[in-house]
Amino acid sequence: MAFFHGGRGSLHYLIRGQGEPLMLIHGLGCSGADWAFQVAVLEKRFKLIVPDLPGSGHSAPPADGYSIAGFAASLWELLDHLGIARINLVGFSLGGAVALEMAAVRPRSVPRLGLINSLATYRTHDWRKWLEAYVSATLVRLLGMRRTARLLALRLFPEPWQRAIRKHAAAAVGAVPASRYLGAGMALARWAILDRLDRLESRILLIAAENDFTPLAEKRELARKLDADIVVIRGSRHGTPFDSVQATNASLLAMLTDRPLPLRSRLVRDAPGGALEISLAGSIVEEHAASGHRSTAFAVARQQAEAARGPVSVPR
């Protein structure tokens, strides 16, 4: 593993694969390890930079407070350190906001941009956004991280066959210090980029879950404003990179390699026991876990293996 000690604090990151640079930016309560299902496929074609956002995973909390602009500045500082001037970006949820901010700051440096269950603002003009931002924050303050994480995991993975992933996701998110979770979550609730969308020059793909917790109509409208492609994953909830691995990977590969997007028939949540055999040995999960972090991606792999009654594996 590697740490970058820059002017904005200590940032943990992993590098995998070779080829055109691609950064994967994780969501709230997660870490870079949670991209394991995507890394297993994308590292064959791209040089992946997979950071832990400030205050997440092994990265130190930001010294100047939590903000989406601050997260973006920290990642550009890391990329400058690595000598990477142009890079494709993919972000999930909170990570999508950070990716949008990065692309607005340096539009000519981001040729392709993938957003998974992300919006251009999380300010609470919509009642569902208000619930997502403030009810979860209130639960953390009242119940603590562990009990709140169990409730969040149940919302993300409600199916009976997802019992193992619920358990592991609750454990991973429940281990996040409440101050860090709330700091990042409130930064997202304050953020907006609606007045800067015209700065973007990237080819953009939106991947949207049919049953996401924020409005699908708003994502469709964002795609229209950005002149972006959008794919809707049927049956998926908010955790699309975990519950719809095959559709997510196929869509990202198509966008990143300038090929046609998958047919609508392929854009569906993964079936129970649908894992294909890619060993986790030597994976980004194992590398990140060297410091004791157990990721949600590990949980999904275990859940898929139990459903299929086979060895631990990662879906393609």
C-alpha atoms as a PDB file:
ATOM      1  CA  MET A   1       0.000   0.000   0.000  1.00  0.00           C
ATOM      2  CA  ALA A   2       1.063   3.618  -0.463  1.00  0.00           C
ATOM      3  CA  PHE A   3       0.509   6.887   1.356  1.00  0.00           C
ATOM      4  CA  PHE A   4       0.862  10.373  -0.082  1.00  0.00           C
ATOM      5  CA  HIS A   5       1.689  13.007   2.507  1.00  0.00           C
ATOM      6  CA  GLY A   6       0.632  16.237   0.827  1.00  0.00           C
ATOM      7  CA  GLY A   7      -0.288  19.691   1.924  1.00  0.00           C
ATOM      8  CA  ARG A   8      -3.877  18.606   2.627  1.00  0.00           C
ATOM      9  CA  GLY A   9      -2.999  15.575   4.758  1.00  0.00           C
ATOM     10  CA  SER A  10      -2.131  11.905   4.458  1.00  0.00           C
ATOM     11  CA  LEU A  11      -3.922  10.071   1.658  1.00  0.00           C
ATOM     12  CA  HIS A  12      -3.921   6.296   1.216  1.00  0.00           C
ATOM     13  CA  TYR A  13      -4.148   4.850  -2.290  1.00  0.00           C
ATOM     14  CA  LEU A  14      -3.535   1.681  -4.283  1.00  0.00           C
ATOM     15  CA  ILE A  15      -2.338   1.302  -7.878  1.00  0.00           C
ATOM     16  CA  ARG A  16      -3.289  -1.721  -9.968  1.00  0.00           C
ATOM     17  CA  GLY A  17      -2.856  -2.682 -13.626  1.00  0.00           C
ATOM     18  CA  GLN A  18      -1.336  -0.914 -16.615  1.00  0.00           C
ATOM     19  CA  GLY A  19      -2.625   1.256 -19.429  1.00  0.00           C
ATOM     20  CA  GLU A  20      -4.638   4.460 -19.633  1.00  0.00           C
ATOM     21  CA  PRO A  21      -5.048   6.025 -16.164  1.00  0.00           C
ATOM     22  CA  LEU A  22      -8.397   5.576 -14.413  1.00  0.00           C
ATOM     23  CA  MET A  23      -9.334   6.659 -10.895  1.00  0.00           C
ATOM     24  CA  LEU A  24     -12.125   4.943  -8.942  1.00  0.00           C
ATOM     25  CA  ILE A  25     -13.698   7.039  -6.154  1.00  0.00           C
ATOM     26  CA  HIS A  26     -15.722   5.239  -3.493  1.00  0.00           C
ATOM     27  CA  GLY A  27     -18.931   6.190  -1.700  1.00  0.00           C
ATOM     28  CA  LEU A  28     -19.909   7.239   1.818  1.00  0.00           C
ATOM     29  CA  GLY A  29     -18.894   4.817   4.554  1.00  0.00           C
ATOM     30  CA  CYS A  30     -16.719   2.866   2.109  1.00  0.00           C
ATOM     31  CA  SER A  31     -13.060   2.706   1.113  1.00  0.00           C
ATOM     32  CA  GLY A  32     -11.084   2.051  -2.036  1.00  0.00           C
ATOM     33  CA  ALA A  33     -11.203  -1.688  -1.327  1.00  0.00           C
ATOM     34  CA  ASP A  34     -14.894  -1.704  -2.157  1.00  0.00           C
ATOM     35  CA  TRP A  35     -14.084  -1.412  -5.877  1.00  0.00           C
ATOM     36  CA  ALA A  36     -12.735  -4.995  -5.892  1.00  0.00           C
ATOM     37  CA  PHE A  37     -15.384  -6.301  -8.290  1.00  0.00           C
ATOM     38  CA  GLN A  38     -14.625  -3.563 -10.799  1.00  0.00           C
ATOM     39  CA  VAL A  39     -10.846  -3.689 -10.306  1.00  0.00           C
ATOM     40  CA  ALA A  40     -10.798  -7.409 -11.128  1.00  0.00           C
ATOM     41  CA  VAL A  41     -11.957  -6.529 -14.653  1.00  0.00           C
ATOM     42  CA  LEU A  42     -10.660  -3.002 -15.242  1.00  0.00           C
ATOM     43  CA  GLU A  43      -7.056  -3.627 -14.162  1.00  0.00           C
ATOM     44  CA  LYS A  44      -6.595  -5.755 -17.272  1.00  0.00           C
ATOM     45  CA  ARG A  45      -6.955  -2.642 -19.460  1.00  0.00           C
ATOM     46  CA  PHE A  46      -6.208   0.399 -17.283  1.00  0.00           C
ATOM     47  CA  LYS A  47      -3.770   1.755 -14.758  1.00  0.00           C
ATOM     48  CA  LEU A  48      -6.073   2.121 -11.772  1.00  0.00           C
ATOM     49  CA  ILE A  49      -5.553   4.654  -9.003  1.00  0.00           C
ATOM     50  CA  VAL A  50      -7.865   3.737  -6.121  1.00  0.00           C
ATOM     51  CA  PRO A  51      -7.738   6.189  -3.195  1.00  0.00           C
ATOM     52  CA  ASP A  52      -9.389   6.316   0.193  1.00  0.00           C
ATOM     53  CA  LEU A  53     -11.025   9.732   0.431  1.00  0.00           C
ATOM     54  CA  PRO A  54      -9.857  11.949   3.309  1.00  0.00           C
ATOM     55  CA  GLY A  55     -11.347  10.579   6.525  1.00  0.00           C
ATOM     56  CA  SER A  56     -12.194   7.214   4.917  1.00  0.00           C
ATOM     57  CA  GLY A  57     -10.393   3.894   4.965  1.00  0.00           C
ATOM     58  CA  HIS A  58      -6.742   4.443   5.876  1.00  0.00           C
ATOM     59  CA  SER A  59      -6.662   8.158   4.926  1.00  0.00           C
ATOM     60  CA  ALA A  60      -6.413  10.772   7.650  1.00  0.00           C
ATOM     61  CA  PRO A  61      -9.340  13.146   8.271  1.00  0.00           C
ATOM     62  CA  PRO A  62      -8.988  16.473   6.422  1.00  0.00           C
ATOM     63  CA  ALA A  63      -7.298  19.098   8.551  1.00  0.00           C
ATOM     64  CA  ASP A  64      -9.399  21.911   7.066  1.00  0.00           C
ATOM     65  CA  GLY A  65     -12.810  20.244   7.427  1.00  0.00           C
ATOM     66  CA  TYR A  66     -14.944  18.078   5.183  1.00  0.00           C
ATOM     67  CA  SER A  67     -16.001  19.408   1.785  1.00  0.00           C
ATOM     68  CA  ILE A  68     -16.454  18.003  -1.714  1.00  0.00           C
ATOM     69  CA  ALA A  69     -14.152  20.702  -3.087  1.00  0.00           C
ATOM     70  CA  GLY A  70     -11.544  19.698  -0.509  1.00  0.00           C
ATOM     71  CA  PHE A  71     -11.813  16.033  -1.483  1.00  0.00           C
ATOM     72  CA  ALA A  72     -11.360  16.968  -5.154  1.00  0.00           C
ATOM     73  CA  ALA A  73      -8.343  19.139  -4.384  1.00  0.00           C
ATOM     74  CA  SER A  74      -6.742  16.305  -2.387  1.00  0.00           C
ATOM     75  CA  LEU A  75      -7.141  13.857  -5.268  1.00  0.00           C
ATOM     76  CA  TRP A  76      -5.741  16.297  -7.824  1.00  0.00           C
ATOM     77  CA  GLU A  77      -2.802  16.856  -5.477  1.00  0.00           C
ATOM     78  CA  LEU A  78      -2.242  13.089  -5.419  1.00  0.00           C
ATOM     79  CA  LEU A  79      -2.418  12.863  -9.219  1.00  0.00           C
ATOM     80  CA  ASP A  80       0.019  15.753  -9.603  1.00  0.00           C
ATOM     81  CA  HIS A  81       2.378  13.873  -7.283  1.00  0.00           C
ATOM     82  CA  LEU A  82       2.030  10.772  -9.467  1.00  0.00           C
ATOM     83  CA  GLY A  83       2.686  12.796 -12.627  1.00  0.00           C
ATOM     84  CA  ILE A  84      -0.731  12.030 -14.156  1.00  0.00           C
ATOM     85  CA  ALA A  85      -2.076  14.991 -16.125  1.00  0.00           C
ATOM     86  CA  ARG A  86      -5.100  13.322 -17.810  1.00  0.00           C
ATOM     87  CA  ILE A  87      -7.253  10.667 -16.193  1.00  0.00           C
ATOM     88  CA  ASN A  88     -10.639   9.015 -16.581  1.00  0.00           C
ATOM     89  CA  LEU A  89     -12.796   9.167 -13.454  1.00  0.00           C
ATOM     90  CA  VAL A  90     -15.498   6.855 -12.097  1.00  0.00           C
ATOM     91  CA  GLY A  91     -17.324   7.722  -8.889  1.00  0.00           C
ATOM     92  CA  PHE A  92     -20.018   6.007  -6.851  1.00  0.00           C
ATOM     93  CA  SER A  93     -22.558   8.147  -4.936  1.00  0.00           C
ATOM     94  CA  LEU A  94     -20.386  10.504  -2.834  1.00  0.00           C
ATOM     95  CA  GLY A  95     -17.507   9.577  -5.139  1.00  0.00           C
ATOM     96  CA  GLY A  96     -19.542  10.732  -8.134  1.00  0.00           C
ATOM     97  CA  ALA A  97     -19.888  14.177  -6.580  1.00  0.00           C
ATOM     98  CA  VAL A  98     -16.124  14.285  -6.044  1.00  0.00           C
ATOM     99  CA  ALA A  99     -15.536  13.170  -9.644  1.00  0.00           C
ATOM    100  CA  LEU A 100     -17.869  15.891 -10.962  1.00  0.00           C
ATOM    101  CA  GLU A 101     -16.041  18.484  -8.860  1.00  0.00           C
ATOM    102  CA  MET A 102     -12.681  17.280 -10.162  1.00  0.00           C
ATOM    103  CA  ALA A 103     -13.875  17.444 -13.770  1.00  0.00           C
ATOM    104  CA  ALA A 104     -15.226  20.972 -13.276  1.00  0.00           C
ATOM    105  CA  VAL A 105     -11.905  22.151 -11.818  1.00  0.00           C
ATOM    106  CA  ARG A 106      -9.804  20.692 -14.666  1.00  0.00           C
ATOM    107  CA  PRO A 107     -12.213  19.906 -17.513  1.00  0.00           C
ATOM    108  CA  ARG A 108      -9.558  19.189 -20.136  1.00  0.00           C
ATOM    109  CA  SER A 109      -7.877  16.674 -17.832  1.00  0.00           C
ATOM    110  CA  VAL A 110     -10.854  14.264 -17.659  1.00  0.00           C
ATOM    111  CA  PRO A 111     -11.661  12.675 -21.035  1.00  0.00           C
ATOM    112  CA  ARG A 112     -14.263  10.236 -19.640  1.00  0.00           C
ATOM    113  CA  LEU A 113     -16.434  10.414 -16.555  1.00  0.00           C
ATOM    114  CA  GLY A 114     -18.581   7.643 -15.078  1.00  0.00           C
ATOM    115  CA  LEU A 115     -21.165   8.424 -12.384  1.00  0.00           C
ATOM    116  CA  ILE A 116     -22.929   5.643 -10.465  1.00  0.00           C
ATOM    117  CA  ASN A 117     -26.046   6.684  -8.525  1.00  0.00           C
ATOM    118  CA  SER A 118     -24.818  10.266  -8.320  1.00  0.00           C
ATOM    119  CA  LEU A 119     -26.466  13.677  -8.672  1.00  0.00           C
ATOM    120  CA  ALA A 120     -25.364  17.243  -9.407  1.00  0.00           C
ATOM    121  CA  THR A 121     -26.598  18.439  -6.023  1.00  0.00           C
ATOM    122  CA  TYR A 122     -27.600  16.859  -2.732  1.00  0.00           C
ATOM    123  CA  ARG A 123     -29.043  20.031  -1.275  1.00  0.00           C
ATOM    124  CA  THR A 124     -32.382  19.175   0.237  1.00  0.00           C
ATOM    125  CA  HIS A 125     -34.955  20.751  -2.091  1.00  0.00           C
ATOM    126  CA  ASP A 126     -36.451  17.260  -2.584  1.00  0.00           C
ATOM    127  CA  TRP A 127     -38.023  15.471   0.398  1.00  0.00           C
ATOM    128  CA  ARG A 128     -36.223  12.219  -0.418  1.00  0.00           C
ATOM    129  CA  LYS A 129     -32.869  13.982  -0.346  1.00  0.00           C
ATOM    130  CA  TRP A 130     -33.797  15.553   2.980  1.00  0.00           C
ATOM    131  CA  LEU A 131     -34.587  12.133   4.396  1.00  0.00           C
ATOM    132  CA  GLU A 132     -31.371  10.612   3.094  1.00  0.00           C
ATOM    133  CA  ALA A 133     -29.221  13.424   4.468  1.00  0.00           C
ATOM    134  CA  TYR A 134     -30.793  14.188   7.809  1.00  0.00           C
ATOM    135  CA  VAL A 135     -32.636  11.079   8.955  1.00  0.00           C
ATOM    136  CA  SER A 136     -29.518   8.941   8.626  1.00  0.00           C
ATOM    137  CA  ALA A 137     -27.469  11.619  10.402  1.00  0.00           C
ATOM    138  CA  THR A 138     -30.033  11.741  13.209  1.00  0.00           C
ATOM    139  CA  LEU A 139     -29.952   7.963  13.516  1.00  0.00           C
ATOM    140  CA  VAL A 140     -26.163   8.026  13.847  1.00  0.00           C
ATOM    141  CA  ARG A 141     -26.404  10.592  16.633  1.00  0.00           C
ATOM    142  CA  LEU A 142     -29.192   8.724  18.440  1.00  0.00           C
ATOM    143  CA  LEU A 143     -28.266   5.084  17.872  1.00  0.00           C
ATOM    144  CA  GLY A 144     -24.542   5.176  17.116  1.00  0.00           C
ATOM    145  CA  MET A 145     -22.755   3.876  14.045  1.00  0.00           C
ATOM    146  CA  ARG A 146     -23.147   0.137  14.628  1.00  0.00           C
ATOM    147  CA  ARG A 147     -26.920   0.080  14.990  1.00  0.00           C
ATOM    148  CA  THR A 148     -27.400   2.652  12.235  1.00  0.00           C
ATOM    149  CA  ALA A 149     -25.135   0.629   9.941  1.00  0.00           C
ATOM    150  CA  ARG A 150     -27.326  -2.436  10.450  1.00  0.00           C
ATOM    151  CA  LEU A 151     -30.394  -0.445   9.368  1.00  0.00           C
ATOM    152  CA  LEU A 152     -28.570   0.983   6.352  1.00  0.00           C
ATOM    153  CA  ALA A 153     -27.338  -2.462   5.321  1.00  0.00           C
ATOM    154  CA  LEU A 154     -30.888  -3.809   5.497  1.00  0.00           C
ATOM    155  CA  ARG A 155     -32.078  -1.053   3.130  1.00  0.00           C
ATOM    156  CA  LEU A 156     -29.232  -1.706   0.710  1.00  0.00           C
ATOM    157  CA  PHE A 157     -29.474  -5.496   0.676  1.00  0.00           C
ATOM    158  CA  PRO A 158     -32.999  -6.567   1.710  1.00  0.00           C
ATOM    159  CA  GLU A 159     -33.256  -9.932  -0.059  1.00  0.00           C
ATOM    160  CA  PRO A 160     -33.141 -13.141   2.023  1.00  0.00           C
ATOM    161  CA  TRP A 161     -30.217 -14.461  -0.023  1.00  0.00           C
ATOM    162  CA  GLN A 162     -28.275 -11.253   0.747  1.00  0.00           C
ATOM    163  CA  ARG A 163     -28.043 -12.036   4.465  1.00  0.00           C
ATOM    164  CA  ALA A 164     -24.269 -12.475   4.413  1.00  0.00           C
ATOM    165  CA  ILE A 165     -23.635  -9.227   2.569  1.00  0.00           C
ATOM    166  CA  ARG A 166     -25.926  -7.364   4.992  1.00  0.00           C
ATOM    167  CA  LYS A 167     -23.928  -8.683   7.908  1.00  0.00           C
ATOM    168  CA  HIS A 168     -20.557  -7.772   6.449  1.00  0.00           C
ATOM    169  CA  ALA A 169     -21.680  -4.399   5.098  1.00  0.00           C
ATOM    170  CA  ALA A 170     -23.085  -3.513   8.518  1.00  0.00           C
ATOM    171  CA  ALA A 171     -19.783  -4.484  10.117  1.00  0.00           C
ATOM    172  CA  ALA A 172     -17.725  -2.435   7.635  1.00  0.00           C
ATOM    173  CA  VAL A 173     -19.836   0.726   7.859  1.00  0.00           C
ATOM    174  CA  GLY A 174     -20.367   0.267  11.597  1.00  0.00           C
ATOM    175  CA  ALA A 175     -16.609   0.418  12.151  1.00  0.00           C
ATOM    176  CA  VAL A 176     -16.385   3.927  10.624  1.00  0.00           C
ATOM    177  CA  PRO A 177     -16.033   6.623  13.308  1.00  0.00           C
ATOM    178  CA  ALA A 178     -19.274   8.599  13.546  1.00  0.00           C
ATOM    179  CA  SER A 179     -17.484  11.945  13.204  1.00  0.00           C
ATOM    180  CA  ARG A 180     -15.961  10.880   9.878  1.00  0.00           C
ATOM    181  CA  TYR A 181     -19.211   9.477   8.500  1.00  0.00           C
ATOM    182  CA  LEU A 182     -21.171  12.570   9.500  1.00  0.00           C
ATOM    183  CA  GLY A 183     -18.472  14.924   8.254  1.00  0.00           C
ATOM    184  CA  ALA A 184     -18.483  13.426   4.758  1.00  0.00           C
ATOM    185  CA  GLY A 185     -22.265  13.061   4.688  1.00  0.00           C
ATOM    186  CA  MET A 186     -22.913  16.676   5.662  1.00  0.00           C
ATOM    187  CA  ALA A 187     -20.317  17.848   3.112  1.00  0.00           C
ATOM    188  CA  LEU A 188     -22.340  16.065   0.449  1.00  0.00           C
ATOM    189  CA  ALA A 189     -25.608  17.632   1.672  1.00  0.00           C
ATOM    190  CA  ARG A 190     -24.070  21.117   1.282  1.00  0.00           C
ATOM    191  CA  TRP A 191     -22.642  20.540  -2.196  1.00  0.00           C
ATOM    192  CA  ALA A 192     -23.951  21.502  -5.640  1.00  0.00           C
ATOM    193  CA  ILE A 193     -22.502  21.883  -9.114  1.00  0.00           C
ATOM    194  CA  LEU A 194     -25.605  22.853 -11.099  1.00  0.00           C
ATOM    195  CA  ASP A 195     -24.195  26.263 -12.030  1.00  0.00           C
ATOM    196  CA  ARG A 196     -20.932  24.764 -13.322  1.00  0.00           C
ATOM    197  CA  LEU A 197     -22.119  21.875 -15.467  1.00  0.00           C
ATOM    198  CA  ASP A 198     -21.283  23.821 -18.631  1.00  0.00           C
ATOM    199  CA  ARG A 199     -17.588  23.600 -17.740  1.00  0.00           C
ATOM    200  CA  LEU A 200     -17.460  19.832 -18.259  1.00  0.00           C
ATOM    201  CA  GLU A 201     -15.828  18.513 -21.431  1.00  0.00           C
ATOM    202  CA  SER A 202     -15.837  14.776 -20.661  1.00  0.00           C
ATOM    203  CA  ARG A 203     -17.725  11.966 -22.316  1.00  0.00           C
ATOM    204  CA  ILE A 204     -20.115  11.099 -19.482  1.00  0.00           C
ATOM    205  CA  LEU A 205     -22.033   7.972 -18.542  1.00  0.00           C
ATOM    206  CA  LEU A 206     -24.616   7.850 -15.765  1.00  0.00           C
ATOM    207  CA  ILE A 207     -25.361   4.434 -14.271  1.00  0.00           C
ATOM    208  CA  ALA A 208     -28.613   4.635 -12.317  1.00  0.00           C
ATOM    209  CA  ALA A 209     -30.322   2.010 -10.162  1.00  0.00           C
ATOM    210  CA  GLU A 210     -34.009   1.519 -10.835  1.00  0.00           C
ATOM    211  CA  ASN A 211     -34.680   1.519  -7.065  1.00  0.00           C
ATOM    212  CA  ASP A 212     -32.096   4.040  -5.893  1.00  0.00           C
ATOM    213  CA  PHE A 213     -32.893   6.143  -2.834  1.00  0.00           C
ATOM    214  CA  THR A 214     -32.737   9.421  -4.770  1.00  0.00           C
ATOM    215  CA  PRO A 215     -34.982  10.299  -7.754  1.00  0.00           C
ATOM    216  CA  LEU A 216     -34.357   8.507 -11.037  1.00  0.00           C
ATOM    217  CA  ALA A 217     -36.073  11.410 -12.829  1.00  0.00           C
ATOM    218  CA  GLU A 218     -33.398  13.774 -11.540  1.00  0.00           C
ATOM    219  CA  LYS A 219     -30.679  11.529 -12.928  1.00  0.00           C
ATOM    220  CA  ARG A 220     -32.403  11.461 -16.307  1.00  0.00           C
ATOM    221  CA  GLU A 221     -32.605  15.247 -16.259  1.00  0.00           C
ATOM    222  CA  LEU A 222     -28.910  15.474 -15.345  1.00  0.00           C
ATOM    223  CA  ALA A 223     -28.043  13.218 -18.289  1.00  0.00           C
ATOM    224  CA  ARG A 224     -30.057  15.514 -20.567  1.00  0.00           C
ATOM    225  CA  LYS A 225     -28.260  18.631 -19.299  1.00  0.00           C
ATOM    226  CA  LEU A 226     -24.866  16.976 -19.733  1.00  0.00           C
ATOM    227  CA  ASP A 227     -25.723  15.396 -23.107  1.00  0.00           C
ATOM    228  CA  ALA A 228     -24.627  12.178 -21.396  1.00  0.00           C
ATOM    229  CA  ASP A 229     -25.518   8.530 -21.848  1.00  0.00           C
ATOM    230  CA  ILE A 230     -27.573   6.903 -19.098  1.00  0.00           C
ATOM    231  CA  VAL A 231     -28.231   3.246 -18.326  1.00  0.00           C
ATOM    232  CA  VAL A 232     -30.790   2.091 -15.754  1.00  0.00           C
ATOM    233  CA  ILE A 233     -30.082  -1.156 -13.897  1.00  0.00           C
ATOM    234  CA  ARG A 234     -33.361  -2.964 -13.291  1.00  0.00           C
ATOM    235  CA  GLY A 235     -33.863  -4.324  -9.788  1.00  0.00           C
ATOM    236  CA  SER A 236     -30.786  -2.595  -8.352  1.00  0.00           C
ATOM    237  CA  ARG A 237     -30.899  -0.497  -5.213  1.00  0.00           C
ATOM    238  CA  HIS A 238     -28.297   2.086  -4.204  1.00  0.00           C
ATOM    239  CA  GLY A 239     -25.383  -0.368  -3.946  1.00  0.00           C
ATOM    240  CA  THR A 240     -25.210  -1.001  -7.693  1.00  0.00           C
ATOM    241  CA  PRO A 241     -21.455  -1.791  -7.844  1.00  0.00           C
ATOM    242  CA  PHE A 242     -22.160  -4.603  -5.356  1.00  0.00           C
ATOM    243  CA  ASP A 243     -25.604  -5.946  -6.337  1.00  0.00           C
ATOM    244  CA  SER A 244     -25.221  -5.488 -10.126  1.00  0.00           C
ATOM    245  CA  VAL A 245     -21.578  -6.273 -10.795  1.00  0.00           C
ATOM    246  CA  GLN A 246     -21.951  -7.665 -14.301  1.00  0.00           C
ATOM    247  CA  ALA A 247     -24.096  -4.786 -15.597  1.00  0.00           C
ATOM    248  CA  THR A 248     -21.869  -2.193 -13.908  1.00  0.00           C
ATOM    249  CA  ASN A 249     -18.670  -3.622 -15.349  1.00  0.00           C
ATOM    250  CA  ALA A 250     -20.083  -4.058 -18.843  1.00  0.00           C
ATOM    251  CA  SER A 251     -21.355  -0.465 -18.878  1.00  0.00           C
ATOM    252  CA  LEU A 252     -18.108   1.004 -17.568  1.00  0.00           C
ATOM    253  CA  LEU A 253     -15.976  -0.962 -20.025  1.00  0.00           C
ATOM    254  CA  ALA A 254     -18.147   0.184 -22.929  1.00  0.00           C
ATOM    255  CA  MET A 255     -17.870   3.844 -21.925  1.00  0.00           C
ATOM    256  CA  LEU A 256     -14.148   3.698 -21.149  1.00  0.00           C
ATOM    257  CA  THR A 257     -13.284   1.961 -24.429  1.00  0.00           C
ATOM    258  CA  ASP A 258     -15.690   4.001 -26.604  1.00  0.00           C
ATOM    259  CA  ARG A 259     -17.802   0.984 -27.517  1.00  0.00           C
ATOM    260  CA  PRO A 260     -21.620   0.670 -27.676  1.00  0.00           C
ATOM    261  CA  LEU A 261     -23.355   0.366 -24.317  1.00  0.00           C
ATOM    262  CA  PRO A 262     -24.822  -3.011 -23.285  1.00  0.00           C
ATOM    263  CA  LEU A 263     -28.246  -4.031 -24.521  1.00  0.00           C
ATOM    264  CA  ARG A 264     -31.106  -3.254 -22.156  1.00  0.00           C
ATOM    265  CA  SER A 265     -31.580  -6.988 -21.537  1.00  0.00           C
ATOM    266  CA  ARG A 266     -28.156  -7.087 -19.852  1.00  0.00           C
ATOM    267  CA  LEU A 267     -28.873  -4.152 -17.552  1.00  0.00           C
ATOM    268  CA  VAL A 268     -30.299  -6.123 -14.646  1.00  0.00           C
ATOM    269  CA  ARG A 269     -29.274  -6.854 -11.071  1.00  0.00           C
ATOM    270  CA  ASP A 270     -27.113  -9.940 -10.535  1.00  0.00           C
ATOM    271  CA  ALA A 271     -28.924 -13.199  -9.772  1.00  0.00           C
ATOM    272  CA  PRO A 272     -28.198 -15.196  -6.601  1.00  0.00           C
ATOM    273  CA  GLY A 273     -25.239 -17.491  -7.054  1.00  0.00           C
ATOM    274  CA  GLY A 274     -24.149 -15.738 -10.233  1.00  0.00           C
ATOM    275  CA  ALA A 275     -20.490 -15.437  -9.250  1.00  0.00           C
ATOM    276  CA  LEU A 276     -17.781 -16.321 -11.732  1.00  0.00           C
ATOM    277  CA  GLU A 277     -14.455 -17.660 -10.603  1.00  0.00           C
ATOM    278  CA  ILE A 278     -11.984 -14.834 -10.030  1.00  0.00           C
ATOM    279  CA  SER A 279      -9.945 -15.500  -6.934  1.00  0.00           C
ATOM    280  CA  LEU A 280      -9.634 -12.795  -4.285  1.00  0.00           C
ATOM    281  CA  ALA A 281      -6.081 -13.948  -3.610  1.00  0.00           C
ATOM    282  CA  GLY A 282      -3.849 -11.018  -4.492  1.00  0.00           C
ATOM    283  CA  SER A 283      -6.860  -8.785  -5.126  1.00  0.00           C
ATOM    284  CA  ILE A 284      -7.347  -5.202  -4.026  1.00  0.00           C
ATOM    285  CA  VAL A 285      -9.364  -6.521  -1.069  1.00  0.00           C
ATOM    286  CA  GLU A 286      -6.392  -8.498   0.218  1.00  0.00           C
ATOM    287  CA  GLU A 287      -4.001  -5.622  -0.416  1.00  0.00           C
ATOM    288  CA  HIS A 288      -6.203  -3.095   1.394  1.00  0.00           C
ATOM    289  CA  ALA A 289      -6.903  -5.542   4.221  1.00  0.00           C
ATOM    290  CA  ALA A 290      -3.206  -5.608   5.073  1.00  0.00           C
ATOM    291  CA  SER A 291      -4.067  -2.911   7.596  1.00  0.00           C
ATOM    292  CA  GLY A 292      -7.114  -4.749   8.926  1.00  0.00           C
ATOM    293  CA  HIS A 293      -9.925  -3.172   6.870  1.00  0.00           C
ATOM    294  CA  ARG A 294     -12.677  -5.558   5.726  1.00  0.00           C
ATOM    295  CA  SER A 295     -14.529  -4.158   2.751  1.00  0.00           C
ATOM    296  CA  THR A 296     -18.083  -4.442   1.524  1.00  0.00           C
ATOM    297  CA  ALA A 297     -16.655  -5.997  -1.634  1.00  0.00           C
ATOM    298  CA  PHE A 298     -15.304  -8.848   0.478  1.00  0.00           C
ATOM    299  CA  ALA A 299     -18.790  -9.227   1.928  1.00  0.00           C
ATOM    300  CA  VAL A 300     -20.364  -9.487  -1.529  1.00  0.00           C
ATOM    301  CA  ALA A 301     -17.825 -12.082  -2.597  1.00  0.00           C
ATOM    302  CA  ARG A 302     -18.619 -14.150   0.468  1.00  0.00           C
ATOM    303  CA  GLN A 303     -22.355 -13.740  -0.068  1.00  0.00           C
ATOM    304  CA  GLN A 304     -22.100 -14.796  -3.723  1.00  0.00           C
ATOM    305  CA  ALA A 305     -19.986 -17.787  -2.781  1.00  0.00           C
ATOM    306  CA  GLU A 306     -22.445 -18.908  -0.130  1.00  0.00           C
ATOM    307  CA  ALA A 307     -25.337 -18.570  -2.579  1.00  0.00           C
ATOM    308  CA  ALA A 308     -23.448 -20.631  -5.148  1.00  0.00           C
ATOM    309  CA  ARG A 309     -21.946 -22.940  -2.478  1.00  0.00           C
ATOM    310  CA  GLY A 310     -18.569 -22.526  -4.032  1.00  0.00           C
ATOM    311  CA  PRO A 311     -15.241 -20.872  -3.197  1.00  0.00           C
ATOM    312  CA  VAL A 312     -14.962 -17.143  -2.561  1.00  0.00           C
ATOM    313  CA  SER A 313     -14.982 -15.383  -5.909  1.00  0.00           C
ATOM    314  CA  VAL A 314     -15.637 -12.070  -7.581  1.00  0.00           C
ATOM    315  CA  PRO A 315     -18.307 -11.670 -10.296  1.00  0.00           C
ATOM    316  CA  ARG A 316     -17.096 -10.424 -13.684  1.00  0.00           C
END
